[in-house]
Amino acid sequence: MESEATAGRGRHLWMALAIALAIGLPIRLIVADRAVMVSRDAVDFIWYAQAMQADPLRAVREHAQHPLYPAMLLAAHGVVQRLPIVPAAVRTDEIRSWTVAAVSATMLGGLAVVIACYLLTARLFNWQAGLVAAVLAAAAAEFCQLSADGLTDMPHLAVYLMAMWAGLRALDTRRYRWFAAAGALAGVGYLLRPEGAEPAVIFVAVLLVPRLCQLGWRQRLAGAACVLAASALVASPYMLATGKLVQKKSIRQFLHSEDSASIETPTPASLADAGDAARGGGHELWHSRPRLCFLTPGEPSRGRLGHTITAIRCHTPAREHRKVDAVQAGAVGDVGRALYAIGENWLRSLRVTFLLPALAWLIGRRRMPGRPVGLRMVQGAMGLHVAILAALLIQFDYWKAFSLRHVMILAGLTLPFAAAGVVLIVESLPEKRQDWATLLLGLGLVAPTLPWMFEPRHGDEAHHYSAARWMHDNTPHSPRVLADRHRMAFYAGGDYIPAPWHGNAAAYLARARTSHPDWLAFDERRMLREYPHFFDDLAAAVVPGERVERARIETNKTRHGPRRVLIYHYLPPPAGSRAGP
């Protein structure tokens, strides 16, 4: 009987793999082919991978993002350059080879999510629900979109769900190797993103609360020790290299208790004024929470693909602590707003339709109860993640930056319940109608999401891409681009000179006179929104001998109206001439 059950599980796993390859892969390839370019964060990860190639330890210490995904990009790039089936035009093109590597690594993560959803759902309910969950994961619009970009979301979600599955298997088998596997997977998830450690936290909590777990106290303590030891073994090298538990946003920051001594924030936005600071001056850099920032010694944050990002050390002056205290006092009132934002994005991530069968399961769960301890673990993970997202919104003023990407874990943990709901609905019908009902229900869930599934990724920013390629094609050497959009410099294949964060015309020209770019590239809508007279001021600020000539306008007709990038050719004033105030 045991051998038959094992054979059945293996057969169902192969069916899940077939679903990933037959449904998930073609959709993701189409979405990737229709994508205009990769995201801004993908460019950051590519630069991180290139810095890691030159000096891994320095790169890990200087970048706030966790290191596993850039390491994956580096490995994928090596494969792309050596794989004979990859066209030579891609292998030899630095931009295309890196973007193909980034999308390939993410797409593998997206396909792994399909398998992980099957495993977790089959462990929670049964193999039929597991296969339905695999189909839902393969055809979820947002999963397909994020699988066709160079982002951590899908690889991280796959590891997260696998860690949850390994924890449930450990409780079922009571074998310590599965406790260790759950901890190790949580450690791997942490190396992708900080919240990857959540499964280990939830699993240890379940083990330490007697009424949540049927194991004896010795097994519970030993299991918790295995989870913690395996997690620490995987994650500790990175912590030792950086000297921090979390490089990006520390637990103390989430609790508003971190001292203002030093917070490393080497993000592209933070680097906007790095050129000024590298020349020895301080500057004000206003984030959503104001801080005075000074550049630490090192290279300026300027360079082409693979440039080294220089860290900025931020100090919060005493007068700003009073402002933070005022924000803390109002934080309680923001909890409802945060929960609303999380719920709205959660609904959008599932395009509403995928949530409907989850509600059906919630209503009829007595007929398909699932494994109680597994449900507690999944629900606990969802609750913990909601709490972390709420803290992110409130403590870090993340309201404008909050997006569907932040709720992917919630969406992934919802799919097992949606799959159980589909099975529950189908099994409530007469047996002879169940096959047709399954097909029609699947079409009813997926068809309304097709416009989002096949929407050209970053299509609203196509003018940035075309502007970058124009600069690349019209510069005899490697172009030097001063812009507030670092993707334009990346796709131009040139040096990126960050635009001043306070982007008035005088600041732009002051930066240009010291860095000598070939091109100034402006997102017209953004500049006019923040500085209505920017281009008039730019013309007025030009000094004798200095040339700022409009060379190109790239226009993109979006659903929100036309969007333009204005490209100016720049020549600095002659040496020794007066360079303005």
Protein backbone atom coordinates (compact mmCIF):
# COMPACT_ATOMS: atom_id res chain seq x y z
CA MET A 1 0.00 0.00 0.00
CA GLU A 2 2.80 2.40 0.88
CA SER A 3 4.54 1.75 -2.45
CA GLU A 4 1.27 2.39 -4.30
CA ALA A 5 0.79 5.66 -2.44
CA THR A 6 4.37 6.69 -3.26
CA ALA A 7 3.83 5.83 -6.92
CA GLY A 8 0.61 7.84 -6.91
CA ARG A 9 2.36 10.87 -5.43
CA GLY A 10 5.10 10.60 -8.03
CA ARG A 11 2.56 10.37 -10.86
CA HIS A 12 0.69 13.42 -9.60
CA LEU A 13 3.94 15.37 -9.28
CA TRP A 14 4.75 14.59 -12.89
CA MET A 15 1.28 15.83 -13.81
CA ALA A 16 2.00 19.10 -11.98
CA LEU A 17 5.28 19.42 -13.87
CA ALA A 18 3.40 18.82 -17.13
CA ILE A 19 0.98 21.60 -16.20
CA ALA A 20 3.91 23.96 -15.57
CA LEU A 21 5.47 23.16 -18.95
CA ALA A 22 2.27 22.92 -21.00
CA ILE A 23 0.39 25.91 -19.56
CA GLY A 24 2.78 28.03 -17.51
CA LEU A 25 5.81 28.08 -19.83
CA PRO A 26 4.06 29.11 -23.10
CA ILE A 27 2.15 31.91 -21.38
CA ARG A 28 5.30 33.23 -19.73
CA LEU A 29 7.28 33.08 -22.97
CA ILE A 30 4.58 35.10 -24.73
CA VAL A 31 4.51 37.68 -21.93
CA ALA A 32 8.32 37.93 -21.98
CA ASP A 33 8.31 38.35 -25.76
CA ARG A 34 5.77 41.18 -25.51
CA ALA A 35 7.63 42.98 -22.71
CA VAL A 36 9.17 46.31 -23.69
CA MET A 37 12.00 46.14 -21.16
CA VAL A 38 12.81 44.98 -17.66
CA SER A 39 11.90 46.93 -14.54
CA ARG A 40 14.01 49.50 -12.71
CA ASP A 41 14.70 47.04 -9.91
CA ALA A 42 15.87 44.48 -12.47
CA VAL A 43 18.55 46.92 -13.65
CA ASP A 44 19.66 47.35 -10.03
CA PHE A 45 19.92 43.57 -9.66
CA ILE A 46 21.93 43.30 -12.88
CA TRP A 47 24.35 45.96 -11.65
CA TYR A 48 24.55 44.12 -8.32
CA ALA A 49 25.39 40.87 -10.15
CA GLN A 50 28.09 42.59 -12.17
CA ALA A 51 29.58 44.11 -9.03
CA MET A 52 29.45 40.66 -7.44
CA GLN A 53 31.38 39.28 -10.40
CA ALA A 54 34.18 41.79 -9.74
CA ASP A 55 34.30 41.66 -5.92
CA PRO A 56 31.62 39.50 -4.22
CA LEU A 57 32.31 40.50 -0.62
CA ARG A 58 32.40 44.21 -1.35
CA ALA A 59 29.24 43.99 -3.44
CA VAL A 60 27.36 42.20 -0.66
CA ARG A 61 28.42 44.79 1.90
CA GLU A 62 27.59 47.80 -0.26
CA HIS A 63 24.16 46.74 -1.50
CA ALA A 64 21.01 46.71 0.60
CA GLN A 65 19.32 43.95 -1.39
CA HIS A 66 19.92 40.36 -0.31
CA PRO A 67 22.50 38.51 -2.41
CA LEU A 68 21.00 35.25 -3.68
CA TYR A 69 19.03 36.65 -6.62
CA PRO A 70 22.01 38.63 -8.02
CA ALA A 71 24.06 35.44 -7.64
CA MET A 72 21.36 33.61 -9.62
CA LEU A 73 21.60 36.28 -12.34
CA LEU A 74 25.37 35.90 -12.44
CA ALA A 75 25.04 32.13 -12.87
CA ALA A 76 22.28 32.52 -15.48
CA HIS A 77 24.42 34.99 -17.42
CA GLY A 78 27.24 32.46 -17.51
CA VAL A 79 24.85 29.85 -18.91
CA VAL A 80 23.47 32.29 -21.52
CA GLN A 81 26.98 33.08 -22.75
CA ARG A 82 27.92 29.40 -23.05
CA LEU A 83 24.68 27.87 -24.31
CA PRO A 84 25.00 27.06 -28.04
CA ILE A 85 21.27 27.50 -28.73
CA VAL A 86 21.41 31.16 -27.64
CA PRO A 87 21.97 33.33 -30.74
CA ALA A 88 25.42 34.88 -31.00
CA ALA A 89 23.80 38.32 -31.27
CA VAL A 90 22.41 37.85 -27.75
CA ARG A 91 25.56 36.32 -26.26
CA THR A 92 27.78 39.16 -27.46
CA ASP A 93 25.39 42.00 -26.61
CA GLU A 94 26.02 43.06 -23.02
CA ILE A 95 22.54 44.50 -22.50
CA ARG A 96 20.59 41.67 -24.11
CA SER A 97 22.65 38.90 -22.52
CA TRP A 98 22.07 40.29 -19.02
CA THR A 99 18.36 40.97 -19.51
CA VAL A 100 17.82 37.49 -21.00
CA ALA A 101 19.67 36.01 -18.02
CA ALA A 102 17.53 38.00 -15.57
CA VAL A 103 14.24 37.02 -17.22
CA SER A 104 15.33 33.37 -17.52
CA ALA A 105 16.18 33.12 -13.82
CA THR A 106 12.86 34.69 -12.86
CA MET A 107 10.90 32.53 -15.28
CA LEU A 108 12.36 29.38 -13.75
CA GLY A 109 11.17 30.72 -10.41
CA GLY A 110 7.72 31.28 -11.87
CA LEU A 111 7.54 27.68 -13.08
CA ALA A 112 8.79 26.48 -9.70
CA VAL A 113 5.84 28.31 -8.11
CA VAL A 114 3.50 26.00 -10.04
CA ILE A 115 5.18 22.92 -8.53
CA ALA A 116 5.32 24.49 -5.06
CA CYS A 117 1.59 25.33 -5.19
CA TYR A 118 0.82 21.72 -6.09
CA LEU A 119 2.95 20.32 -3.25
CA LEU A 120 1.57 22.66 -0.58
CA THR A 121 -2.07 22.27 -1.64
CA ALA A 122 -1.83 18.48 -1.93
CA ARG A 123 -0.38 18.39 1.58
CA LEU A 124 -3.13 20.68 2.91
CA PHE A 125 -6.07 19.01 1.11
CA ASN A 126 -5.62 16.30 -1.54
CA TRP A 127 -3.94 15.69 -4.87
CA GLN A 128 -6.97 16.84 -6.88
CA ALA A 129 -6.86 20.24 -5.19
CA GLY A 130 -3.08 20.24 -5.70
CA LEU A 131 -3.43 19.87 -9.47
CA VAL A 132 -6.08 22.59 -9.58
CA ALA A 133 -3.72 24.87 -7.62
CA ALA A 134 -0.98 24.12 -10.16
CA VAL A 135 -3.29 25.18 -13.00
CA LEU A 136 -4.27 28.37 -11.15
CA ALA A 137 -0.62 29.23 -10.47
CA ALA A 138 0.30 28.54 -14.10
CA ALA A 139 -2.44 30.85 -15.37
CA ALA A 140 -2.53 33.59 -12.71
CA ALA A 141 -2.12 36.87 -14.61
CA GLU A 142 0.14 38.62 -12.11
CA PHE A 143 2.30 35.51 -11.66
CA CYS A 144 2.78 35.37 -15.45
CA GLN A 145 3.66 39.06 -15.63
CA LEU A 146 6.19 38.92 -12.78
CA SER A 147 7.73 35.74 -14.23
CA ALA A 148 8.69 37.71 -17.35
CA ASP A 149 10.77 40.35 -15.55
CA GLY A 150 14.07 40.39 -13.70
CA LEU A 151 12.61 40.46 -10.19
CA THR A 152 12.82 38.37 -7.03
CA ASP A 153 9.07 37.88 -6.55
CA MET A 154 8.56 34.50 -8.22
CA PRO A 155 11.78 32.75 -7.12
CA HIS A 156 11.14 33.99 -3.60
CA LEU A 157 7.50 32.85 -3.62
CA ALA A 158 8.54 29.40 -4.86
CA VAL A 159 11.04 28.97 -2.02
CA TYR A 160 8.53 30.37 0.52
CA LEU A 161 5.82 27.88 -0.49
CA MET A 162 8.34 25.02 -0.55
CA ALA A 163 9.41 25.91 3.00
CA MET A 164 5.78 25.79 4.12
CA TRP A 165 5.34 22.40 2.42
CA ALA A 166 8.52 21.01 4.00
CA GLY A 167 7.28 22.13 7.43
CA LEU A 168 3.98 20.30 6.94
CA ARG A 169 5.78 17.20 5.73
CA ALA A 170 8.01 17.33 8.81
CA LEU A 171 4.94 17.34 11.06
CA ASP A 172 3.42 14.43 9.14
CA THR A 173 6.52 12.23 8.95
CA ARG A 174 8.14 13.36 12.24
CA ARG A 175 11.53 13.00 10.56
CA TYR A 176 14.17 15.49 11.57
CA ARG A 177 15.58 15.81 8.07
CA TRP A 178 12.34 17.48 7.03
CA PHE A 179 12.52 19.87 9.97
CA ALA A 180 16.02 20.76 8.79
CA ALA A 181 14.81 21.05 5.19
CA ALA A 182 12.09 23.50 6.23
CA GLY A 183 14.65 25.61 8.09
CA ALA A 184 17.14 25.49 5.23
CA LEU A 185 14.49 26.58 2.72
CA ALA A 186 13.53 29.47 4.99
CA GLY A 187 17.21 30.44 5.07
CA VAL A 188 17.34 30.34 1.27
CA GLY A 189 14.20 32.49 1.15
CA TYR A 190 15.85 34.97 3.51
CA LEU A 191 18.83 35.23 1.15
CA LEU A 192 16.36 36.25 -1.55
CA ARG A 193 14.31 38.68 0.55
CA PRO A 194 14.09 39.36 4.30
CA GLU A 195 10.51 38.09 4.55
CA GLY A 196 11.72 34.72 3.33
CA ALA A 197 12.43 33.87 6.98
CA GLU A 198 8.70 34.02 7.83
CA PRO A 199 8.08 30.24 7.38
CA ALA A 200 10.76 29.45 9.96
CA VAL A 201 9.18 31.87 12.44
CA ILE A 202 5.72 30.36 11.92
CA PHE A 203 6.99 26.78 12.08
CA VAL A 204 8.89 27.35 15.32
CA ALA A 205 5.83 29.08 16.82
CA VAL A 206 3.65 26.07 15.91
CA LEU A 207 6.19 23.69 17.45
CA LEU A 208 6.46 25.65 20.68
CA VAL A 209 2.69 25.92 21.29
CA PRO A 210 1.47 22.49 22.51
CA ARG A 211 -2.14 22.85 21.44
CA LEU A 212 -1.11 23.60 17.83
CA CYS A 213 1.01 20.49 17.44
CA GLN A 214 0.46 16.83 18.38
CA LEU A 215 4.14 16.00 18.86
CA GLY A 216 5.67 15.28 22.25
CA TRP A 217 7.59 18.04 23.93
CA ARG A 218 10.99 16.47 23.20
CA GLN A 219 10.18 16.17 19.51
CA ARG A 220 8.84 19.70 19.43
CA LEU A 221 11.98 21.16 21.00
CA ALA A 222 14.28 19.05 18.82
CA GLY A 223 12.30 20.00 15.72
CA ALA A 224 12.44 23.70 16.56
CA ALA A 225 16.20 23.39 17.14
CA CYS A 226 16.60 21.73 13.73
CA VAL A 227 14.64 24.50 12.02
CA LEU A 228 16.61 27.27 13.70
CA ALA A 229 19.98 25.58 13.18
CA ALA A 230 19.36 24.91 9.49
CA SER A 231 18.10 28.47 8.92
CA ALA A 232 21.12 29.94 10.69
CA LEU A 233 23.52 27.68 8.80
CA VAL A 234 22.23 28.93 5.45
CA ALA A 235 21.72 32.60 6.34
CA SER A 236 24.61 33.28 8.73
CA PRO A 237 27.40 33.76 6.13
CA TYR A 238 25.53 36.76 4.72
CA MET A 239 24.88 38.14 8.21
CA LEU A 240 28.55 37.75 9.11
CA ALA A 241 29.62 39.46 5.88
CA THR A 242 27.39 42.48 6.50
CA GLY A 243 27.45 42.50 10.29
CA LYS A 244 23.66 42.90 10.32
CA LEU A 245 20.61 40.72 10.74
CA VAL A 246 18.82 42.55 7.93
CA GLN A 247 20.65 44.94 5.63
CA LYS A 248 17.63 46.56 4.02
CA LYS A 249 15.14 47.44 6.78
CA SER A 250 16.05 46.29 10.26
CA ILE A 251 13.65 45.00 12.90
CA ARG A 252 14.58 47.98 15.08
CA GLN A 253 13.61 50.34 12.26
CA PHE A 254 10.24 48.60 11.99
CA LEU A 255 9.74 49.22 15.70
CA HIS A 256 10.97 52.84 15.46
CA SER A 257 13.61 52.05 18.06
CA GLU A 258 16.77 52.18 15.96
CA ASP A 259 19.26 54.83 16.91
CA SER A 260 20.21 57.32 14.24
CA ALA A 261 23.84 56.26 14.25
CA SER A 262 24.00 54.89 10.73
CA ILE A 263 21.68 53.32 8.24
CA GLU A 264 23.05 52.14 4.91
CA THR A 265 20.70 52.90 2.03
CA PRO A 266 22.45 52.30 -1.28
CA THR A 267 19.33 52.52 -3.44
CA PRO A 268 19.21 54.29 -6.81
CA ALA A 269 16.96 57.01 -5.38
CA SER A 270 19.38 57.52 -2.52
CA LEU A 271 22.20 57.87 -5.01
CA ALA A 272 20.59 60.75 -6.85
CA ASP A 273 22.95 63.34 -5.42
CA ALA A 274 25.98 61.11 -5.00
CA GLY A 275 27.95 63.10 -7.57
CA ASP A 276 27.88 66.22 -5.42
CA ALA A 277 28.79 64.34 -2.28
CA ALA A 278 31.64 62.50 -3.96
CA ARG A 279 33.26 65.86 -4.58
CA GLY A 280 33.39 66.41 -0.84
CA GLY A 281 30.16 68.20 -0.08
CA GLY A 282 27.11 67.26 1.91
CA HIS A 283 23.60 67.56 0.58
CA GLU A 284 20.03 67.19 1.67
CA LEU A 285 18.27 64.17 0.28
CA TRP A 286 14.58 64.14 1.12
CA HIS A 287 13.02 60.71 1.36
CA SER A 288 9.47 60.24 2.58
CA ARG A 289 10.98 60.74 6.04
CA PRO A 290 13.54 63.59 5.81
CA ARG A 291 17.17 62.87 6.62
CA LEU A 292 20.48 64.58 6.00
CA CYS A 293 22.71 62.25 4.00
CA PHE A 294 26.45 62.27 3.43
CA LEU A 295 28.43 60.03 1.13
CA THR A 296 30.91 57.67 2.68
CA PRO A 297 34.36 57.48 1.07
CA GLY A 298 34.37 55.46 -2.13
CA GLU A 299 33.72 55.66 -5.83
CA PRO A 300 31.07 58.02 -7.16
CA SER A 301 27.80 56.36 -8.11
CA ARG A 302 28.37 56.85 -11.77
CA GLY A 303 29.29 54.29 -14.34
CA ARG A 304 28.09 51.97 -17.02
CA LEU A 305 26.81 48.44 -16.66
CA GLY A 306 28.35 46.93 -13.58
CA HIS A 307 29.23 50.22 -11.92
CA THR A 308 29.85 50.08 -8.21
CA ILE A 309 27.06 51.62 -6.19
CA THR A 310 28.50 53.70 -3.39
CA ALA A 311 26.74 53.50 -0.05
CA ILE A 312 25.28 56.58 1.54
CA ARG A 313 25.32 56.89 5.29
CA CYS A 314 22.26 58.65 6.63
CA HIS A 315 22.08 60.49 9.93
CA THR A 316 18.80 61.67 11.40
CA PRO A 317 19.33 64.96 13.24
CA ALA A 318 17.62 65.59 16.58
CA ARG A 319 15.08 67.98 15.09
CA GLU A 320 13.99 65.23 12.69
CA HIS A 321 13.44 62.80 15.59
CA ARG A 322 10.66 65.12 16.75
CA LYS A 323 9.03 64.78 13.32
CA VAL A 324 9.36 60.99 13.50
CA ASP A 325 7.79 61.03 16.97
CA ALA A 326 4.84 62.94 15.53
CA VAL A 327 4.47 60.30 12.83
CA GLN A 328 4.61 57.58 15.49
CA ALA A 329 1.78 59.24 17.39
CA GLY A 330 -0.41 59.11 14.28
CA ALA A 331 0.62 55.58 13.30
CA VAL A 332 -2.27 53.89 15.13
CA GLY A 333 -4.74 55.82 13.01
CA ASP A 334 -3.02 54.54 9.88
CA VAL A 335 -3.63 50.86 10.68
CA GLY A 336 -7.03 50.85 9.00
CA ARG A 337 -5.64 52.64 5.98
CA ALA A 338 -2.79 50.13 5.77
CA LEU A 339 -5.15 47.14 5.98
CA TYR A 340 -7.31 48.67 3.25
CA ALA A 341 -4.28 49.15 0.97
CA ILE A 342 -3.14 45.57 1.60
CA GLY A 343 -6.62 44.18 0.95
CA GLU A 344 -7.08 46.20 -2.22
CA ASN A 345 -3.77 45.05 -3.70
CA TRP A 346 -4.44 41.48 -2.60
CA LEU A 347 -7.74 41.52 -4.53
CA ARG A 348 -6.02 43.03 -7.56
CA SER A 349 -3.19 40.49 -7.45
CA LEU A 350 -5.77 37.71 -7.84
CA ARG A 351 -7.85 39.80 -10.27
CA VAL A 352 -10.83 39.11 -7.97
CA THR A 353 -11.89 36.01 -9.92
CA PHE A 354 -9.31 33.74 -8.25
CA LEU A 355 -10.55 34.86 -4.85
CA LEU A 356 -14.14 33.73 -5.49
CA PRO A 357 -13.49 29.96 -5.14
CA ALA A 358 -11.48 30.69 -1.98
CA LEU A 359 -14.62 32.30 -0.57
CA ALA A 360 -16.58 29.22 -1.68
CA TRP A 361 -14.20 27.03 0.33
CA LEU A 362 -14.54 29.33 3.33
CA ILE A 363 -18.32 28.93 3.22
CA GLY A 364 -18.31 25.16 2.70
CA ARG A 365 -15.10 24.23 4.50
CA ARG A 366 -16.86 21.66 6.70
CA ARG A 367 -17.15 19.42 3.63
CA MET A 368 -13.43 19.78 2.85
CA PRO A 369 -11.72 20.77 6.10
CA GLY A 370 -8.09 20.11 5.20
CA ARG A 371 -5.33 19.41 7.74
CA PRO A 372 -5.88 21.59 10.82
CA VAL A 373 -2.22 22.13 11.69
CA GLY A 374 -1.42 22.99 8.07
CA LEU A 375 -4.25 25.48 7.86
CA ARG A 376 -3.04 27.11 11.07
CA MET A 377 0.45 27.42 9.64
CA VAL A 378 -0.73 28.97 6.38
CA GLN A 379 -3.16 31.32 8.11
CA GLY A 380 -0.46 32.27 10.62
CA ALA A 381 1.95 33.03 7.77
CA MET A 382 -0.67 35.22 6.11
CA GLY A 383 -1.32 37.07 9.37
CA LEU A 384 2.38 37.62 10.00
CA HIS A 385 2.91 38.91 6.47
CA VAL A 386 -0.03 41.31 6.75
CA ALA A 387 1.46 42.66 9.99
CA ILE A 388 4.84 43.18 8.31
CA LEU A 389 3.24 44.92 5.33
CA ALA A 390 1.25 47.19 7.65
CA ALA A 391 4.46 48.09 9.50
CA LEU A 392 6.16 48.77 6.17
CA LEU A 393 3.41 51.15 5.13
CA ILE A 394 3.16 52.96 8.44
CA GLN A 395 6.74 53.03 9.68
CA PHE A 396 8.39 53.72 6.31
CA ASP A 397 5.69 55.83 4.63
CA TYR A 398 5.48 53.32 1.80
CA TRP A 399 2.04 54.39 0.61
CA LYS A 400 3.07 55.59 -2.85
CA ALA A 401 5.57 52.78 -3.45
CA PHE A 402 3.21 50.00 -2.32
CA SER A 403 2.21 47.75 -5.22
CA LEU A 404 0.97 44.31 -6.21
CA ARG A 405 4.49 42.95 -5.79
CA HIS A 406 4.24 43.40 -2.03
CA VAL A 407 1.25 41.04 -1.71
CA MET A 408 2.52 38.14 -3.82
CA ILE A 409 3.02 35.98 -0.72
CA LEU A 410 -0.61 36.55 0.25
CA ALA A 411 -1.70 35.70 -3.29
CA GLY A 412 0.40 32.52 -3.31
CA LEU A 413 -0.94 31.39 0.06
CA THR A 414 -4.51 32.02 -1.14
CA LEU A 415 -4.26 29.66 -4.12
CA PRO A 416 -4.56 26.43 -2.05
CA PHE A 417 -7.89 27.67 -0.69
CA ALA A 418 -9.03 28.74 -4.17
CA ALA A 419 -8.14 25.29 -5.50
CA ALA A 420 -10.02 23.61 -2.65
CA GLY A 421 -13.01 25.82 -3.47
CA VAL A 422 -12.94 24.72 -7.12
CA VAL A 423 -12.87 21.04 -6.08
CA LEU A 424 -15.68 21.67 -3.61
CA ILE A 425 -17.86 23.31 -6.28
CA VAL A 426 -17.20 20.59 -8.86
CA GLU A 427 -17.81 17.71 -6.44
CA SER A 428 -21.15 19.22 -5.45
CA LEU A 429 -22.40 18.54 -9.01
CA PRO A 430 -23.53 15.21 -10.48
CA GLU A 431 -20.54 13.09 -11.53
CA LYS A 432 -21.41 13.08 -15.23
CA ARG A 433 -21.27 16.90 -15.32
CA GLN A 434 -18.07 17.33 -13.39
CA ASP A 435 -15.66 17.27 -16.36
CA TRP A 436 -17.53 19.99 -18.24
CA ALA A 437 -18.04 21.95 -15.05
CA THR A 438 -14.30 21.89 -14.36
CA LEU A 439 -13.52 23.18 -17.85
CA LEU A 440 -16.14 25.92 -17.76
CA LEU A 441 -15.17 26.98 -14.25
CA GLY A 442 -11.51 27.20 -15.27
CA LEU A 443 -12.36 29.33 -18.30
CA GLY A 444 -14.60 31.51 -16.16
CA LEU A 445 -11.77 32.17 -13.72
CA VAL A 446 -9.01 32.77 -16.28
CA ALA A 447 -10.77 34.48 -19.21
CA PRO A 448 -11.52 37.78 -17.38
CA THR A 449 -7.82 38.10 -16.48
CA LEU A 450 -6.46 37.75 -20.05
CA PRO A 451 -6.18 41.52 -20.71
CA TRP A 452 -3.84 41.84 -17.71
CA MET A 453 -2.05 38.57 -18.46
CA PHE A 454 -0.94 39.59 -21.97
CA GLU A 455 -0.57 43.31 -21.42
CA PRO A 456 2.88 44.41 -22.74
CA ARG A 457 5.04 44.68 -19.64
CA HIS A 458 6.27 48.26 -19.08
CA GLY A 459 4.43 49.32 -22.24
CA ASP A 460 3.62 52.67 -20.61
CA GLU A 461 7.37 53.33 -20.44
CA ALA A 462 8.27 52.43 -24.01
CA HIS A 463 9.45 56.01 -24.62
CA HIS A 464 12.22 55.47 -22.07
CA TYR A 465 13.44 52.44 -24.01
CA SER A 466 13.29 54.12 -27.42
CA ALA A 467 15.07 57.19 -26.04
CA ALA A 468 17.84 54.98 -24.66
CA ARG A 469 18.30 53.13 -27.93
CA TRP A 470 18.37 56.42 -29.86
CA MET A 471 21.17 57.72 -27.62
CA HIS A 472 23.02 54.43 -28.08
CA ASP A 473 22.70 54.57 -31.88
CA ASN A 474 23.66 58.25 -32.17
CA THR A 475 26.77 58.35 -30.01
CA PRO A 476 30.05 57.21 -31.61
CA HIS A 477 31.43 56.20 -28.22
CA SER A 478 29.86 54.88 -25.02
CA PRO A 479 27.27 57.57 -24.21
CA ARG A 480 27.27 59.45 -20.93
CA VAL A 481 23.67 60.04 -19.87
CA LEU A 482 22.50 62.42 -17.15
CA ALA A 483 18.97 61.35 -16.27
CA ASP A 484 16.66 60.61 -13.36
CA ARG A 485 15.77 57.24 -14.92
CA HIS A 486 18.74 54.89 -14.68
CA ARG A 487 17.15 52.39 -17.06
CA MET A 488 17.72 54.85 -19.90
CA ALA A 489 21.47 54.80 -19.24
CA PHE A 490 21.38 51.00 -18.93
CA TYR A 491 19.62 50.46 -22.25
CA ALA A 492 21.82 53.10 -23.89
CA GLY A 493 24.78 50.97 -22.88
CA GLY A 494 26.54 53.95 -21.37
CA ASP A 495 27.60 55.71 -18.21
CA TYR A 496 24.82 56.67 -15.82
CA ILE A 497 25.13 60.10 -14.20
CA PRO A 498 22.37 60.46 -11.58
CA ALA A 499 20.26 63.58 -11.91
CA PRO A 500 20.05 65.86 -8.86
CA TRP A 501 17.29 64.79 -6.50
CA HIS A 502 16.20 68.42 -6.25
CA GLY A 503 15.90 68.65 -10.01
CA ASN A 504 15.69 72.38 -10.69
CA ALA A 505 17.36 73.60 -13.88
CA ALA A 506 20.34 75.21 -12.15
CA ALA A 507 21.11 71.97 -10.29
CA TYR A 508 20.95 69.97 -13.52
CA LEU A 509 23.36 72.27 -15.31
CA ALA A 510 25.69 72.39 -12.31
CA ARG A 511 25.82 68.60 -12.40
CA ALA A 512 26.36 68.61 -16.18
CA ARG A 513 29.26 71.08 -15.98
CA THR A 514 31.17 68.82 -13.62
CA SER A 515 30.30 65.43 -15.14
CA HIS A 516 30.25 66.34 -18.88
CA PRO A 517 27.43 64.11 -20.15
CA ASP A 518 26.72 63.64 -23.83
CA TRP A 519 22.99 63.73 -23.25
CA LEU A 520 20.46 65.14 -20.81
CA ALA A 521 17.31 63.00 -20.81
CA PHE A 522 14.11 64.23 -19.17
CA ASP A 523 10.80 62.53 -18.49
CA GLU A 524 8.70 65.52 -19.52
CA ARG A 525 5.63 64.66 -17.46
CA ARG A 526 7.59 64.17 -14.25
CA MET A 527 9.65 67.34 -14.70
CA LEU A 528 6.64 69.54 -15.47
CA ARG A 529 4.63 68.04 -12.62
CA GLU A 530 7.31 68.93 -10.08
CA TYR A 531 8.77 72.02 -11.78
CA PRO A 532 6.21 73.64 -14.16
CA HIS A 533 8.77 76.13 -15.55
CA PHE A 534 11.70 73.72 -15.68
CA PHE A 535 12.46 73.94 -19.40
CA ASP A 536 12.16 77.74 -19.47
CA ASP A 537 14.51 77.89 -16.49
CA LEU A 538 16.88 75.50 -18.24
CA ALA A 539 17.15 77.75 -21.28
CA ALA A 540 17.69 80.81 -19.07
CA ALA A 541 20.43 79.12 -17.00
CA VAL A 542 22.69 78.35 -19.97
CA VAL A 543 25.91 80.41 -19.86
CA PRO A 544 27.87 81.76 -22.86
CA GLY A 545 29.71 78.98 -24.66
CA GLU A 546 27.53 76.26 -23.16
CA ARG A 547 25.26 74.32 -25.53
CA VAL A 548 22.03 72.60 -24.51
CA GLU A 549 20.23 71.68 -27.72
CA ARG A 550 17.12 69.58 -28.04
CA ALA A 551 18.10 66.62 -30.18
CA ARG A 552 15.16 64.22 -29.98
CA ILE A 553 11.64 63.77 -28.64
CA GLU A 554 10.45 60.22 -28.04
CA THR A 555 6.66 59.93 -27.68
CA ASN A 556 4.59 57.06 -26.34
CA LYS A 557 0.80 56.99 -26.66
CA THR A 558 -0.44 55.37 -23.46
CA ARG A 559 -3.94 54.81 -22.15
CA HIS A 560 -3.34 57.76 -19.83
CA GLY A 561 -2.36 60.08 -22.68
CA PRO A 562 0.88 60.84 -24.53
CA ARG A 563 4.15 60.56 -22.62
CA ARG A 564 7.45 62.01 -23.85
CA VAL A 565 11.17 61.89 -23.18
CA LEU A 566 13.09 65.00 -24.22
CA ILE A 567 16.74 64.41 -25.14
CA TYR A 568 19.19 67.32 -25.15
CA HIS A 569 22.71 67.25 -26.54
CA TYR A 570 25.12 68.87 -24.11
CA LEU A 571 28.46 70.63 -24.57
CA PRO A 572 30.07 72.27 -21.51
CA PRO A 573 31.26 75.88 -21.52
CA PRO A 574 34.90 76.44 -22.48
CA ALA A 575 37.42 75.87 -19.71
CA GLY A 576 37.97 78.98 -17.62
CA SER A 577 34.65 80.60 -18.56
CA ARG A 578 32.15 81.61 -15.91
CA ALA A 579 29.93 78.58 -15.26
CA GLY A 580 26.94 80.33 -13.79
CA PRO A 581 26.09 81.23 -10.20
